Amino acid sequence: MTLERLGSWITAPFRFLYHFIVGDDWTVAAVVLVTLIVIGFLNSNHIVSWWLMPLVAILMTGLSLRRHAVR
């Protein structure tokens, strides 16, 4: 096994995760990450915030679809 092939085996999972999580629209991934951080902060302060993630997911899906439909 060559060094180049070994390197591709090592980097392949990270490339897959990047393309799976970020995909075509990096803004959706960024908003989801920020939302998860906010939810974690709210939950650590005993504020119920389970409803925030589904709301953000629905809103960002609609926004992403609107942006891609315009193109």
PDB file of N, CA and C in Angstrom:
ATOM      1  N   MET A   1       0.854  -1.181   0.000  1.00  0.00           N
ATOM      2  CA  MET A   1       0.000   0.000   0.000  1.00  0.00           C
ATOM      3  C   MET A   1       0.893   1.235   0.000  1.00  0.00           C
ATOM      4  N   THR A   2       0.622   2.121  -0.922  1.00  0.00           N
ATOM      5  CA  THR A   2       1.438   3.327  -1.013  1.00  0.00           C
ATOM      6  C   THR A   2       1.003   4.344   0.026  1.00  0.00           C
ATOM      7  N   LEU A   3       1.887   5.294   0.252  1.00  0.00           N
ATOM      8  CA  LEU A   3       1.608   6.340   1.232  1.00  0.00           C
ATOM      9  C   LEU A   3       0.421   7.202   0.785  1.00  0.00           C
ATOM     10  N   GLU A   4       0.316   7.438  -0.513  1.00  0.00           N
ATOM     11  CA  GLU A   4      -0.799   8.234  -1.028  1.00  0.00           C
ATOM     12  C   GLU A   4      -2.137   7.541  -0.790  1.00  0.00           C
ATOM     13  N   ARG A   5      -2.164   6.237  -1.011  1.00  0.00           N
ATOM     14  CA  ARG A   5      -3.402   5.487  -0.794  1.00  0.00           C
ATOM     15  C   ARG A   5      -3.756   5.429   0.686  1.00  0.00           C
ATOM     16  N   LEU A   6      -2.773   5.300   1.548  1.00  0.00           N
ATOM     17  CA  LEU A   6      -3.016   5.296   2.987  1.00  0.00           C
ATOM     18  C   LEU A   6      -3.567   6.650   3.426  1.00  0.00           C
ATOM     19  N   GLY A   7      -3.023   7.724   2.872  1.00  0.00           N
ATOM     20  CA  GLY A   7      -3.520   9.056   3.195  1.00  0.00           C
ATOM     21  C   GLY A   7      -4.964   9.248   2.771  1.00  0.00           C
ATOM     22  N   SER A   8      -5.331   8.679   1.620  1.00  0.00           N
ATOM     23  CA  SER A   8      -6.714   8.818   1.171  1.00  0.00           C
ATOM     24  C   SER A   8      -7.660   8.032   2.073  1.00  0.00           C
ATOM     25  N   TRP A   9      -7.200   6.909   2.618  1.00  0.00           N
ATOM     26  CA  TRP A   9      -8.030   6.136   3.553  1.00  0.00           C
ATOM     27  C   TRP A   9      -8.230   6.920   4.852  1.00  0.00           C
ATOM     28  N   ILE A  10      -7.233   7.663   5.246  1.00  0.00           N
ATOM     29  CA  ILE A  10      -7.336   8.430   6.491  1.00  0.00           C
ATOM     30  C   ILE A  10      -8.242   9.644   6.303  1.00  0.00           C
ATOM     31  N   THR A  11      -8.126  10.312   5.180  1.00  0.00           N
ATOM     32  CA  THR A  11      -8.915  11.531   4.976  1.00  0.00           C
ATOM     33  C   THR A  11     -10.327  11.265   4.462  1.00  0.00           C
ATOM     34  N   ALA A  12     -10.588  10.084   3.945  1.00  0.00           N
ATOM     35  CA  ALA A  12     -11.900   9.790   3.356  1.00  0.00           C
ATOM     36  C   ALA A  12     -13.059   9.970   4.344  1.00  0.00           C
ATOM     37  N   PRO A  13     -12.978   9.486   5.586  1.00  0.00           N
ATOM     38  CA  PRO A  13     -14.111   9.698   6.503  1.00  0.00           C
ATOM     39  C   PRO A  13     -14.379  11.175   6.785  1.00  0.00           C
ATOM     40  N   PHE A  14     -13.320  11.976   6.871  1.00  0.00           N
ATOM     41  CA  PHE A  14     -13.503  13.402   7.135  1.00  0.00           C
ATOM     42  C   PHE A  14     -14.122  14.108   5.935  1.00  0.00           C
ATOM     43  N   ARG A  15     -13.712  13.727   4.731  1.00  0.00           N
ATOM     44  CA  ARG A  15     -14.325  14.303   3.540  1.00  0.00           C
ATOM     45  C   ARG A  15     -15.789  13.912   3.440  1.00  0.00           C
ATOM     46  N   PHE A  16     -16.101  12.650   3.769  1.00  0.00           N
ATOM     47  CA  PHE A  16     -17.494  12.210   3.749  1.00  0.00           C
ATOM     48  C   PHE A  16     -18.326  13.004   4.750  1.00  0.00           C
ATOM     49  N   LEU A  17     -17.833  13.146   5.982  1.00  0.00           N
ATOM     50  CA  LEU A  17     -18.583  13.879   6.996  1.00  0.00           C
ATOM     51  C   LEU A  17     -18.783  15.332   6.600  1.00  0.00           C
ATOM     52  N   TYR A  18     -17.777  15.953   6.028  1.00  0.00           N
ATOM     53  CA  TYR A  18     -17.909  17.333   5.578  1.00  0.00           C
ATOM     54  C   TYR A  18     -19.004  17.454   4.518  1.00  0.00           C
ATOM     55  N   HIS A  19     -18.972  16.591   3.518  1.00  0.00           N
ATOM     56  CA  HIS A  19     -19.962  16.672   2.447  1.00  0.00           C
ATOM     57  C   HIS A  19     -21.347  16.255   2.941  1.00  0.00           C
ATOM     58  N   PHE A  20     -21.423  15.354   3.911  1.00  0.00           N
ATOM     59  CA  PHE A  20     -22.709  14.924   4.454  1.00  0.00           C
ATOM     60  C   PHE A  20     -23.333  16.013   5.311  1.00  0.00           C
ATOM     61  N   ILE A  21     -22.538  16.665   6.152  1.00  0.00           N
ATOM     62  CA  ILE A  21     -23.074  17.670   7.070  1.00  0.00           C
ATOM     63  C   ILE A  21     -23.261  19.007   6.373  1.00  0.00           C
ATOM     64  N   VAL A  22     -22.264  19.466   5.664  1.00  0.00           N
ATOM     65  CA  VAL A  22     -22.333  20.784   5.036  1.00  0.00           C
ATOM     66  C   VAL A  22     -23.122  20.714   3.732  1.00  0.00           C
ATOM     67  N   GLY A  23     -22.848  19.734   2.910  1.00  0.00           N
ATOM     68  CA  GLY A  23     -23.584  19.582   1.662  1.00  0.00           C
ATOM     69  C   GLY A  23     -23.389  20.748   0.721  1.00  0.00           C
ATOM     70  N   ASP A  24     -24.494  21.185   0.115  1.00  0.00           N
ATOM     71  CA  ASP A  24     -24.432  22.270  -0.858  1.00  0.00           C
ATOM     72  C   ASP A  24     -24.538  23.647  -0.217  1.00  0.00           C
ATOM     73  N   ASP A  25     -25.095  23.723   0.977  1.00  0.00           N
ATOM     74  CA  ASP A  25     -25.381  25.021   1.580  1.00  0.00           C
ATOM     75  C   ASP A  25     -24.754  25.090   2.971  1.00  0.00           C
ATOM     76  N   TRP A  26     -23.623  25.765   3.078  1.00  0.00           N
ATOM     77  CA  TRP A  26     -22.908  25.825   4.348  1.00  0.00           C
ATOM     78  C   TRP A  26     -23.647  26.680   5.370  1.00  0.00           C
ATOM     79  N   THR A  27     -24.509  27.574   4.909  1.00  0.00           N
ATOM     80  CA  THR A  27     -25.219  28.432   5.862  1.00  0.00           C
ATOM     81  C   THR A  27     -26.189  27.630   6.712  1.00  0.00           C
ATOM     82  N   VAL A  28     -26.808  26.623   6.142  1.00  0.00           N
ATOM     83  CA  VAL A  28     -27.719  25.774   6.917  1.00  0.00           C
ATOM     84  C   VAL A  28     -26.944  25.056   8.015  1.00  0.00           C
ATOM     85  N   ALA A  29     -25.783  24.524   7.680  1.00  0.00           N
ATOM     86  CA  ALA A  29     -24.967  23.840   8.682  1.00  0.00           C
ATOM     87  C   ALA A  29     -24.527  24.802   9.780  1.00  0.00           C
ATOM     88  N   ALA A  30     -24.191  26.020   9.413  1.00  0.00           N
ATOM     89  CA  ALA A  30     -23.764  27.008  10.409  1.00  0.00           C
ATOM     90  C   ALA A  30     -24.916  27.385  11.339  1.00  0.00           C
ATOM     91  N   VAL A  31     -26.099  27.580  10.781  1.00  0.00           N
ATOM     92  CA  VAL A  31     -27.255  27.940  11.608  1.00  0.00           C
ATOM     93  C   VAL A  31     -27.635  26.787  12.536  1.00  0.00           C
ATOM     94  N   VAL A  32     -27.575  25.572  12.044  1.00  0.00           N
ATOM     95  CA  VAL A  32     -27.874  24.415  12.893  1.00  0.00           C
ATOM     96  C   VAL A  32     -26.859  24.308  14.028  1.00  0.00           C
ATOM     97  N   LEU A  33     -25.595  24.532  13.748  1.00  0.00           N
ATOM     98  CA  LEU A  33     -24.566  24.488  14.787  1.00  0.00           C
ATOM     99  C   LEU A  33     -24.809  25.563  15.840  1.00  0.00           C
ATOM    100  N   VAL A  34     -25.101  26.780  15.404  1.00  0.00           N
ATOM    101  CA  VAL A  34     -25.377  27.865  16.353  1.00  0.00           C
ATOM    102  C   VAL A  34     -26.627  27.541  17.168  1.00  0.00           C
ATOM    103  N   THR A  35     -27.641  26.984  16.535  1.00  0.00           N
ATOM    104  CA  THR A  35     -28.861  26.614  17.250  1.00  0.00           C
ATOM    105  C   THR A  35     -28.582  25.553  18.303  1.00  0.00           C
ATOM    106  N   LEU A  36     -27.763  24.569  17.974  1.00  0.00           N
ATOM    107  CA  LEU A  36     -27.417  23.543  18.958  1.00  0.00           C
ATOM    108  C   LEU A  36     -26.669  24.138  20.148  1.00  0.00           C
ATOM    109  N   ILE A  37     -25.805  25.097  19.895  1.00  0.00           N
ATOM    110  CA  ILE A  37     -25.078  25.763  20.985  1.00  0.00           C
ATOM    111  C   ILE A  37     -26.058  26.549  21.862  1.00  0.00           C
ATOM    112  N   VAL A  38     -26.981  27.268  21.231  1.00  0.00           N
ATOM    113  CA  VAL A  38     -27.975  28.032  21.995  1.00  0.00           C
ATOM    114  C   VAL A  38     -28.862  27.101  22.806  1.00  0.00           C
ATOM    115  N   ILE A  39     -29.300  26.004  22.211  1.00  0.00           N
ATOM    116  CA  ILE A  39     -30.132  25.040  22.936  1.00  0.00           C
ATOM    117  C   ILE A  39     -29.368  24.457  24.116  1.00  0.00           C
ATOM    118  N   GLY A  40     -28.101  24.152  23.927  1.00  0.00           N
ATOM    119  CA  GLY A  40     -27.288  23.643  25.035  1.00  0.00           C
ATOM    120  C   GLY A  40     -27.177  24.648  26.165  1.00  0.00           C
ATOM    121  N   PHE A  41     -26.974  25.911  25.816  1.00  0.00           N
ATOM    122  CA  PHE A  41     -26.902  26.969  26.827  1.00  0.00           C
ATOM    123  C   PHE A  41     -28.233  27.115  27.557  1.00  0.00           C
ATOM    124  N   LEU A  42     -29.332  27.127  26.824  1.00  0.00           N
ATOM    125  CA  LEU A  42     -30.640  27.256  27.451  1.00  0.00           C
ATOM    126  C   LEU A  42     -30.951  26.072  28.357  1.00  0.00           C
ATOM    127  N   ASN A  43     -30.643  24.873  27.886  1.00  0.00           N
ATOM    128  CA  ASN A  43     -30.905  23.683  28.710  1.00  0.00           C
ATOM    129  C   ASN A  43     -30.036  23.651  29.959  1.00  0.00           C
ATOM    130  N   SER A  44     -28.821  24.153  29.871  1.00  0.00           N
ATOM    131  CA  SER A  44     -27.962  24.178  31.059  1.00  0.00           C
ATOM    132  C   SER A  44     -28.480  25.171  32.101  1.00  0.00           C
ATOM    133  N   ASN A  45     -29.300  26.131  31.648  1.00  0.00           N
ATOM    134  CA  ASN A  45     -29.926  27.085  32.564  1.00  0.00           C
ATOM    135  C   ASN A  45     -31.368  26.702  32.885  1.00  0.00           C
ATOM    136  N   HIS A  46     -31.718  25.450  32.634  1.00  0.00           N
ATOM    137  CA  HIS A  46     -33.029  24.883  32.962  1.00  0.00           C
ATOM    138  C   HIS A  46     -34.174  25.596  32.251  1.00  0.00           C
ATOM    139  N   ILE A  47     -33.932  25.996  31.018  1.00  0.00           N
ATOM    140  CA  ILE A  47     -34.969  26.595  30.177  1.00  0.00           C
ATOM    141  C   ILE A  47     -35.323  25.572  29.105  1.00  0.00           C
ATOM    142  N   VAL A  48     -36.593  25.222  29.028  1.00  0.00           N
ATOM    143  CA  VAL A  48     -37.037  24.213  28.067  1.00  0.00           C
ATOM    144  C   VAL A  48     -36.957  24.800  26.660  1.00  0.00           C
ATOM    145  N   SER A  49     -36.191  24.143  25.798  1.00  0.00           N
ATOM    146  CA  SER A  49     -35.995  24.683  24.451  1.00  0.00           C
ATOM    147  C   SER A  49     -36.000  23.584  23.390  1.00  0.00           C
ATOM    148  N   TRP A  50     -36.699  22.498  23.662  1.00  0.00           N
ATOM    149  CA  TRP A  50     -36.724  21.388  22.703  1.00  0.00           C
ATOM    150  C   TRP A  50     -37.378  21.788  21.392  1.00  0.00           C
ATOM    151  N   TRP A  51     -38.273  22.753  21.423  1.00  0.00           N
ATOM    152  CA  TRP A  51     -39.041  23.168  20.263  1.00  0.00           C
ATOM    153  C   TRP A  51     -38.226  24.018  19.285  1.00  0.00           C
ATOM    154  N   LEU A  52     -37.083  24.498  19.720  1.00  0.00           N
ATOM    155  CA  LEU A  52     -36.298  25.412  18.899  1.00  0.00           C
ATOM    156  C   LEU A  52     -35.665  24.722  17.683  1.00  0.00           C
ATOM    157  N   MET A  53     -35.163  23.515  17.867  1.00  0.00           N
ATOM    158  CA  MET A  53     -34.484  22.827  16.760  1.00  0.00           C
ATOM    159  C   MET A  53     -35.443  22.480  15.630  1.00  0.00           C
ATOM    160  N   PRO A  54     -36.625  21.905  15.896  1.00  0.00           N
ATOM    161  CA  PRO A  54     -37.540  21.655  14.768  1.00  0.00           C
ATOM    162  C   PRO A  54     -37.954  22.939  14.046  1.00  0.00           C
ATOM    163  N   LEU A  55     -38.145  24.013  14.794  1.00  0.00           N
ATOM    164  CA  LEU A  55     -38.514  25.292  14.188  1.00  0.00           C
ATOM    165  C   LEU A  55     -37.412  25.801  13.265  1.00  0.00           C
ATOM    166  N   VAL A  56     -36.175  25.770  13.733  1.00  0.00           N
ATOM    167  CA  VAL A  56     -35.049  26.223  12.917  1.00  0.00           C
ATOM    168  C   VAL A  56     -34.864  25.315  11.704  1.00  0.00           C
ATOM    169  N   ALA A  57     -35.037  24.014  11.882  1.00  0.00           N
ATOM    170  CA  ALA A  57     -34.878  23.086  10.760  1.00  0.00           C
ATOM    171  C   ALA A  57     -35.910  23.360   9.672  1.00  0.00           C
ATOM    172  N   ILE A  58     -37.144  23.601  10.058  1.00  0.00           N
ATOM    173  CA  ILE A  58     -38.192  23.893   9.080  1.00  0.00           C
ATOM    174  C   ILE A  58     -37.921  25.227   8.384  1.00  0.00           C
ATOM    175  N   LEU A  59     -37.560  26.238   9.159  1.00  0.00           N
ATOM    176  CA  LEU A  59     -37.283  27.549   8.566  1.00  0.00           C
ATOM    177  C   LEU A  59     -36.081  27.506   7.617  1.00  0.00           C
ATOM    178  N   MET A  60     -35.013  26.834   8.018  1.00  0.00           N
ATOM    179  CA  MET A  60     -33.823  26.779   7.169  1.00  0.00           C
ATOM    180  C   MET A  60     -34.054  25.933   5.924  1.00  0.00           C
ATOM    181  N   THR A  61     -34.874  24.900   6.027  1.00  0.00           N
ATOM    182  CA  THR A  61     -35.202  24.107   4.847  1.00  0.00           C
ATOM    183  C   THR A  61     -35.957  24.957   3.838  1.00  0.00           C
ATOM    184  N   GLY A  62     -36.944  25.716   4.330  1.00  0.00           N
ATOM    185  CA  GLY A  62     -37.686  26.602   3.440  1.00  0.00           C
ATOM    186  C   GLY A  62     -36.801  27.664   2.811  1.00  0.00           C
ATOM    187  N   LEU A  63     -35.915  28.259   3.601  1.00  0.00           N
ATOM    188  CA  LEU A  63     -35.002  29.282   3.092  1.00  0.00           C
ATOM    189  C   LEU A  63     -34.052  28.704   2.047  1.00  0.00           C
ATOM    190  N   SER A  64     -33.531  27.526   2.319  1.00  0.00           N
ATOM    191  CA  SER A  64     -32.606  26.886   1.383  1.00  0.00           C
ATOM    192  C   SER A  64     -33.315  26.542   0.071  1.00  0.00           C
ATOM    193  N   LEU A  65     -34.532  26.026   0.177  1.00  0.00           N
ATOM    194  CA  LEU A  65     -35.284  25.694  -1.037  1.00  0.00           C
ATOM    195  C   LEU A  65     -35.612  26.941  -1.840  1.00  0.00           C
ATOM    196  N   ARG A  66     -35.941  28.019  -1.168  1.00  0.00           N
ATOM    197  CA  ARG A  66     -36.246  29.274  -1.860  1.00  0.00           C
ATOM    198  C   ARG A  66     -35.010  29.803  -2.595  1.00  0.00           C
ATOM    199  N   ARG A  67     -33.859  29.748  -1.933  1.00  0.00           N
ATOM    200  CA  ARG A  67     -32.626  30.247  -2.566  1.00  0.00           C
ATOM    201  C   ARG A  67     -32.248  29.413  -3.778  1.00  0.00           C
ATOM    202  N   HIS A  68     -32.407  28.091  -3.678  1.00  0.00           N
ATOM    203  CA  HIS A  68     -32.035  27.226  -4.797  1.00  0.00           C
ATOM    204  C   HIS A  68     -33.061  27.282  -5.930  1.00  0.00           C
ATOM    205  N   ALA A  69     -34.316  27.597  -5.618  1.00  0.00           N
ATOM    206  CA  ALA A  69     -35.329  27.724  -6.656  1.00  0.00           C
ATOM    207  C   ALA A  69     -35.113  28.975  -7.483  1.00  0.00           C
ATOM    208  N   VAL A  70     -34.580  30.013  -6.864  1.00  0.00           N
ATOM    209  CA  VAL A  70     -34.334  31.267  -7.583  1.00  0.00           C
ATOM    210  C   VAL A  70     -33.221  31.085  -8.608  1.00  0.00           C
ATOM    211  N   ARG A  71     -32.245  30.258  -8.320  1.00  0.00           N
ATOM    212  CA  ARG A  71     -31.121  30.020  -9.232  1.00  0.00           C
ATOM    213  C   ARG A  71     -31.620  29.323 -10.425  1.00  0.00           C
TER     214      ARG A  71
END
